[in-house]
Amino acid sequence: MNGGASSRKSLTLTSSPSLPNKKNNGVGVGGGVVSSELARRNSVSSRAASASGERTVKRLRLSKALTIPENTTIYEACRRMAARRVDALLLTDSNALLCGILTDKDIATRVIAREVNIETTPVSKVMTRNPVFVLSDTLAVEALQKMVQGKFRHLPVVENGEVIALLDIAKCLYDAIARMERAAEKGKAIAAAVEGVEKHWGSSISGPNTFIETLREKMFRPSLSTIIPENSKIVTVSPTDTVLTAAKKMLEYRISSAVVTVENKPRGILTSKDILMRVIAQNLSPESTLVEKVMTPNPECATVDTPIVDALHTMHDGKFLHLPVVDRDGTVVSVIDVIHITHAAVATVGNTAGVGTEATNTMMQKFWDSAMTLGPLSDDDDSRSEISMKVASEETDPGRSSSYPSSILPYSFGFKIEDKKGRLHRFNCDTRSLTDLITSILQRMGDDIDRNQLPHILYEDDDHDKVVLASDGDLVAAVDHARA
């Protein structure tokens, strides 16, 4: 924008649940502190993402972390988890440092299966010590790949040495699939990096639209039969077996679910979360409680011919993490979960293309990055606010009254916001800090914005694509575009 010109570039402000609230914004996300030694050993490597504008862990859907001292009894820990309806919690030592993580699978296989006394034994005896965690400014694709490769669902998120949230890969995968499906349905283009993909998937890939279709067709359209091994591990129990028997089988097979069968046909499913919520939290005895009393009866099942993406939608819609798979005769052949699906789908593409692990990892990164590039789900999605406000930006005009003339503050930029009542708010803000911009918006629009769902800011580029501002670098690029 030149001199006193009044041309503007359109920015859109929307609220999204995927941005966590920082503690200094008055919203505490209960967590421990991470020691420098633990940080050195266990953190996922972090690159300087903010400077390059790449997408960080903060862009993912984070959950508030439940944190308790490690000397808490297992029973009390289970009671707290059940009260909060969560399947994982973090443990801190006497110095309030993060020292462990406990999941529902740990409770089933390390506690119930081994008949540990839950009323006298501290959590420290059964937790996973010194868990891998991720820094909040780590590239999101790095964190997600780490979870899939390590086959763990939960990852603590650390900022300034303090645990601020917990990352659940199930939610991230559901978001990714939903975004890709929505983009394909509505014909939206995605700004995905496709460099190097041609040599893995053929020279027909010529652009983002083709790339997203390839992801969907080659990763998630094939049937479940393509990702289920012939001798798939599966735990089966009868309705009259005890919960203790089921837990011991889960420990033996290192699986967190058991299919309840009658003549090899599924009649129910019992998961480690069921044991936590329906047995321990209800003060029932695993030794005497029958599986049929606490199982989920007549579970929804997929068939070997079910497309992968349909199985994911079924799990998401039903809000469950395990899905029994039956063959054409109705016999249970496998139980799948979200990590299994993601890892297997990407590996299948790699094997089909005749490439190795390195190329498979590249594809996995491109899958996550492409899904994230799609940005927030569309306006009619339940996760987004119904309120939409426009933010018009313009360079500070030397000819207008301003307390921060651009000649004095070269990094200052003028913003004008229209709220839902049609009122205009004009202010200047440092273009080097996205946090400062969001803070300025909240100061002026506080009553119109849910503090638990901080806003995403988007701008429309020359190709009429909406680009999400996810970092300070993105803000600089947007302002440069507006000034052009």
Foldseek 3Di string as FASTA:
>chain_A
DDFQDDDWFWKWKWFFLLAFFDVVVVDALDWFFADPVLCVPFAQDADQCQQVQFFWNRRGRWARAAEDAQQAFQLVVLLVCLVVVHFKHFHAYPVRHTWFMHGLLLCLQVDLLVPHDRVRDTNNVRTHTSHHAYERRGRPLSVLLVCLVVVHQWHFYDYPRIGRTIHGNLRLVLLLLLLLVLCLVVVNFFPFDCPPVCLQVHVPDDGRNSVSVCCCVQQFQAFQLLQADQQADAAEDAQFDFLNVSSNSCNVSVHFKHFHDDPQAGFFIDGSSLCSNVDSNVPHDRRHHGNNVRTGGPDAAAERRHTRSVVSVVCVVVVHFWHFYAYPVRGTDYIDGDSSSLLRSLVSSNVVSVHDPVVSSVVSSSSSSRSCRSPGRDQPDPRIDVFMWMKIWAAAHPVDDDPDHCVNVVQKTWIWIQGPVRDIDIDIFGLQFPVRVQVVVCVVCVVVDDSSGRMWMWTQAPVRDTGTRNHSNSSVVVVVRRVD
